Amino acid sequence: MSTATAELVTFKMLDISTAHLTTQTRAQMEQQNAEGVLFYPKGPWGWFTYVPSLADELTVGDEAPADLKQCIEFAQQRGFDWIVFDC
């Protein structure tokens, strides 16, 4: 496959500090126990967090921690696909 003819898939990612999350939310994420959100560990520090598409009328679950939900909604309104929470 030639790169000249292949379409590249790109994503827009918001890079913000883990300090935007409460100690409680960070603990839930460290334990893989944050409900209503799709996220993956970023090594020992931080997480990659999926941002549901407003175009697809997707939302964050009400069971998600309020601070995490607020960050995701901020990213949603600005057209991001992912958030990386990094210390």
C-alpha atoms as a PDB file:
ATOM      1  CA  MET A   1       0.000   0.000   0.000  1.00  0.00           C
ATOM      2  CA  SER A   2       1.370   3.353  -1.009  1.00  0.00           C
ATOM      3  CA  THR A   3       1.089   6.255   1.410  1.00  0.00           C
ATOM      4  CA  ALA A   4       0.300   8.460  -1.560  1.00  0.00           C
ATOM      5  CA  THR A   5      -2.989   6.641  -2.143  1.00  0.00           C
ATOM      6  CA  ALA A   6      -3.888   5.541   1.395  1.00  0.00           C
ATOM      7  CA  GLU A   7      -6.050   7.737   3.570  1.00  0.00           C
ATOM      8  CA  LEU A   8      -4.597   8.434   6.971  1.00  0.00           C
ATOM      9  CA  VAL A   9      -6.799   8.260  10.022  1.00  0.00           C
ATOM     10  CA  THR A  10      -6.122  11.069  12.461  1.00  0.00           C
ATOM     11  CA  PHE A  11      -7.491  11.957  15.877  1.00  0.00           C
ATOM     12  CA  LYS A  12      -7.554  15.208  17.776  1.00  0.00           C
ATOM     13  CA  MET A  13      -6.279  14.806  21.345  1.00  0.00           C
ATOM     14  CA  LEU A  14      -6.512  17.247  24.254  1.00  0.00           C
ATOM     15  CA  ASP A  15      -3.477  17.055  26.566  1.00  0.00           C
ATOM     16  CA  ILE A  16      -4.305  18.197  30.109  1.00  0.00           C
ATOM     17  CA  SER A  17      -2.966  17.606  33.578  1.00  0.00           C
ATOM     18  CA  THR A  18      -4.135  14.914  35.974  1.00  0.00           C
ATOM     19  CA  ALA A  19      -4.473  17.847  38.407  1.00  0.00           C
ATOM     20  CA  HIS A  20      -7.815  18.584  36.693  1.00  0.00           C
ATOM     21  CA  LEU A  21      -9.159  15.468  38.422  1.00  0.00           C
ATOM     22  CA  THR A  22      -9.867  15.028  42.110  1.00  0.00           C
ATOM     23  CA  THR A  23      -7.856  12.617  44.231  1.00  0.00           C
ATOM     24  CA  GLN A  24     -10.942  10.386  44.414  1.00  0.00           C
ATOM     25  CA  THR A  25     -11.396  10.272  40.632  1.00  0.00           C
ATOM     26  CA  ARG A  26      -7.704   9.550  40.061  1.00  0.00           C
ATOM     27  CA  ALA A  27      -7.927   6.685  42.584  1.00  0.00           C
ATOM     28  CA  GLN A  28     -10.972   5.267  40.767  1.00  0.00           C
ATOM     29  CA  MET A  29      -9.123   5.422  37.451  1.00  0.00           C
ATOM     30  CA  GLU A  30      -6.007   3.824  38.934  1.00  0.00           C
ATOM     31  CA  GLN A  31      -8.225   0.950  40.090  1.00  0.00           C
ATOM     32  CA  GLN A  32      -9.956   0.794  36.657  1.00  0.00           C
ATOM     33  CA  ASN A  33     -13.186   1.628  38.470  1.00  0.00           C
ATOM     34  CA  ALA A  34     -14.511   4.840  36.885  1.00  0.00           C
ATOM     35  CA  GLU A  35     -17.995   3.984  35.591  1.00  0.00           C
ATOM     36  CA  GLY A  36     -19.521   5.483  32.446  1.00  0.00           C
ATOM     37  CA  VAL A  37     -16.188   6.355  30.787  1.00  0.00           C
ATOM     38  CA  LEU A  38     -13.864   4.512  28.414  1.00  0.00           C
ATOM     39  CA  PHE A  39     -10.218   5.028  29.391  1.00  0.00           C
ATOM     40  CA  TYR A  40      -6.847   3.290  29.220  1.00  0.00           C
ATOM     41  CA  PRO A  41      -3.785   3.655  31.464  1.00  0.00           C
ATOM     42  CA  LYS A  42      -0.950   5.749  30.058  1.00  0.00           C
ATOM     43  CA  GLY A  43       1.919   3.884  31.614  1.00  0.00           C
ATOM     44  CA  PRO A  44       2.346   4.569  35.323  1.00  0.00           C
ATOM     45  CA  TRP A  45       1.127   8.181  35.085  1.00  0.00           C
ATOM     46  CA  GLY A  46      -2.112   9.215  33.462  1.00  0.00           C
ATOM     47  CA  TRP A  47      -4.815   7.935  31.136  1.00  0.00           C
ATOM     48  CA  PHE A  48      -6.062   8.097  27.583  1.00  0.00           C
ATOM     49  CA  THR A  49      -9.782   8.873  27.753  1.00  0.00           C
ATOM     50  CA  TYR A  50     -12.259   8.499  24.896  1.00  0.00           C
ATOM     51  CA  VAL A  51     -14.406  11.526  24.076  1.00  0.00           C
ATOM     52  CA  PRO A  52     -17.838  10.490  22.723  1.00  0.00           C
ATOM     53  CA  SER A  53     -18.869  12.239  19.517  1.00  0.00           C
ATOM     54  CA  LEU A  54     -21.495  14.982  19.749  1.00  0.00           C
ATOM     55  CA  ALA A  55     -22.155  14.425  16.036  1.00  0.00           C
ATOM     56  CA  ASP A  56     -23.243  10.879  16.912  1.00  0.00           C
ATOM     57  CA  GLU A  57     -25.299  12.244  19.828  1.00  0.00           C
ATOM     58  CA  LEU A  58     -23.234  10.249  22.331  1.00  0.00           C
ATOM     59  CA  THR A  59     -22.894  11.395  25.934  1.00  0.00           C
ATOM     60  CA  VAL A  60     -20.946  10.523  29.058  1.00  0.00           C
ATOM     61  CA  GLY A  61     -22.805   8.323  31.523  1.00  0.00           C
ATOM     62  CA  ASP A  62     -24.361   9.972  34.576  1.00  0.00           C
ATOM     63  CA  GLU A  63     -22.439   7.523  36.756  1.00  0.00           C
ATOM     64  CA  ALA A  64     -19.106   9.069  35.658  1.00  0.00           C
ATOM     65  CA  PRO A  65     -17.301  11.202  38.243  1.00  0.00           C
ATOM     66  CA  ALA A  66     -18.427  14.830  37.861  1.00  0.00           C
ATOM     67  CA  ASP A  67     -14.924  16.262  37.348  1.00  0.00           C
ATOM     68  CA  LEU A  68     -14.052  13.689  34.686  1.00  0.00           C
ATOM     69  CA  LYS A  69     -17.393  14.242  32.985  1.00  0.00           C
ATOM     70  CA  GLN A  70     -16.764  18.003  32.941  1.00  0.00           C
ATOM     71  CA  CYS A  71     -13.353  17.501  31.268  1.00  0.00           C
ATOM     72  CA  ILE A  72     -14.863  15.190  28.653  1.00  0.00           C
ATOM     73  CA  GLU A  73     -17.707  17.600  27.905  1.00  0.00           C
ATOM     74  CA  PHE A  74     -15.150  20.425  27.539  1.00  0.00           C
ATOM     75  CA  ALA A  75     -13.267  18.310  24.987  1.00  0.00           C
ATOM     76  CA  GLN A  76     -16.519  17.283  23.241  1.00  0.00           C
ATOM     77  CA  GLN A  77     -17.566  20.888  22.707  1.00  0.00           C
ATOM     78  CA  ARG A  78     -14.218  21.615  21.069  1.00  0.00           C
ATOM     79  CA  GLY A  79     -14.187  18.618  18.722  1.00  0.00           C
ATOM     80  CA  PHE A  80     -11.561  16.448  20.444  1.00  0.00           C
ATOM     81  CA  ASP A  81     -11.610  12.668  20.038  1.00  0.00           C
ATOM     82  CA  TRP A  82      -9.423  11.792  23.032  1.00  0.00           C
ATOM     83  CA  ILE A  83      -8.049  13.332  26.198  1.00  0.00           C
ATOM     84  CA  VAL A  84      -4.660  12.407  27.573  1.00  0.00           C
ATOM     85  CA  PHE A  85      -4.477  13.115  31.290  1.00  0.00           C
ATOM     86  CA  ASP A  86      -0.782  13.408  32.084  1.00  0.00           C
ATOM     87  CA  CYS A  87       1.038  14.453  35.222  1.00  0.00           C
END
